[in-house]
Amino acid sequence: MADTKPLQIRTANGDELLFVEGGSFVMGELEGSESPAHRVNLTYDLYVGKYPVTFQEYD
């Protein structure tokens, strides 16, 4: 049986994390030069925060 990971978890302090499967995707904008499109390769699976971290949370 394949090792399945939950798509969303909640940490002990209440933060919500989302599962991101490793792989390739294009990040940025196809038009314009402020953030040009480029390929990103995630070499492993990871969890990322569902919401941005505020300075107050960080400090």
Protein backbone atom coordinates (compact mmCIF):
# COMPACT_ATOMS: atom_id res chain seq x y z
CA MET A 1 0.00 0.00 0.00
CA ALA A 2 1.36 3.44 -0.94
CA ASP A 3 2.32 5.87 1.80
CA THR A 4 -0.43 8.51 1.68
CA LYS A 5 -0.08 11.86 3.38
CA PRO A 6 -2.98 14.01 4.58
CA LEU A 7 -3.71 16.94 2.25
CA GLN A 8 -4.06 19.32 5.20
CA ILE A 9 -2.82 19.18 8.80
CA ARG A 10 -3.19 21.43 11.84
CA THR A 11 -0.17 21.92 14.10
CA ALA A 12 -0.30 21.94 17.91
CA ASN A 13 -0.40 25.77 17.89
CA GLY A 14 -3.29 25.85 15.38
CA ASP A 15 -1.45 26.62 12.13
CA GLU A 16 -2.91 24.99 9.02
CA LEU A 17 -0.48 23.38 6.58
CA LEU A 18 -1.21 22.15 3.06
CA PHE A 19 0.55 19.24 1.36
CA VAL A 20 2.50 20.04 -1.82
CA GLU A 21 3.67 17.08 -3.88
CA GLY A 22 7.14 17.31 -5.38
CA GLY A 23 7.30 17.94 -9.12
CA SER A 24 7.75 20.71 -11.68
CA PHE A 25 5.63 23.76 -12.42
CA VAL A 26 5.93 27.17 -14.08
CA MET A 27 6.02 30.11 -11.65
CA GLY A 28 5.68 33.76 -12.62
CA GLU A 29 3.92 35.56 -15.42
CA LEU A 30 4.09 34.70 -19.09
CA GLU A 31 3.72 38.38 -20.01
CA GLY A 32 5.61 41.25 -18.44
CA SER A 33 9.05 41.32 -16.89
CA GLU A 34 8.42 41.97 -13.17
CA SER A 35 8.17 38.25 -12.41
CA PRO A 36 9.02 36.36 -15.61
CA ALA A 37 7.84 32.79 -15.99
CA HIS A 38 10.39 30.14 -15.04
CA ARG A 39 10.30 26.42 -14.26
CA VAL A 40 10.55 25.39 -10.61
CA ASN A 41 11.46 21.85 -9.56
CA LEU A 42 10.45 20.61 -6.12
CA THR A 43 12.62 17.56 -5.50
CA TYR A 44 10.58 16.38 -2.50
CA ASP A 45 7.11 16.67 -0.97
CA LEU A 46 6.52 19.35 1.66
CA TYR A 47 3.90 21.14 3.73
CA VAL A 48 3.41 24.91 3.45
CA GLY A 49 1.39 27.31 5.55
CA LYS A 50 -2.16 27.92 4.36
CA TYR A 51 -1.97 31.59 5.39
CA PRO A 52 0.86 34.15 5.31
CA VAL A 53 2.92 34.57 8.46
CA THR A 54 2.52 38.02 10.00
CA PHE A 55 5.42 39.94 11.50
CA GLN A 56 3.74 39.66 14.91
CA GLU A 57 3.67 35.85 14.61
CA TYR A 58 7.29 35.78 13.42
CA ASP A 59 8.64 38.18 16.06
